[in-house]
Amino acid sequence: MEITGLISALVIGVVVGGLGRLVVPGRQRISMLTTLLVGIAAALVGTFAASVLGVSDTSGVDWVEAALQVGLAGVGVTALTRSRAHQYR
């Protein structure tokens, strides 16, 4: 991954975190900062997974890569929400 890919993954991670939170139903009891960090991690992992699968270098918008990133962010938000819910019981 080149440095421009890393920087764009970080910027996209902010958006991905928000979208990941939107696709998870119900109320999430995690901070916005945590959501953004999950989004950044999901963007990085999603970019790597897309490059491994060979779907990251397409002409136009990489919809498969974006879907991977948002899906991973949703999984991350769900996991953190459930782990936090068990802490407060």
Foldseek 3Di string as FASTA:
>chain_A
DDPVLLVVLLVVLLVLLVLLVVVADDDFPDDSVQSSVLSSVLSVVLCVVCVVVPQNDDPDDSVSSSVSSNVSSNVVSVVVRVVVVVVVD
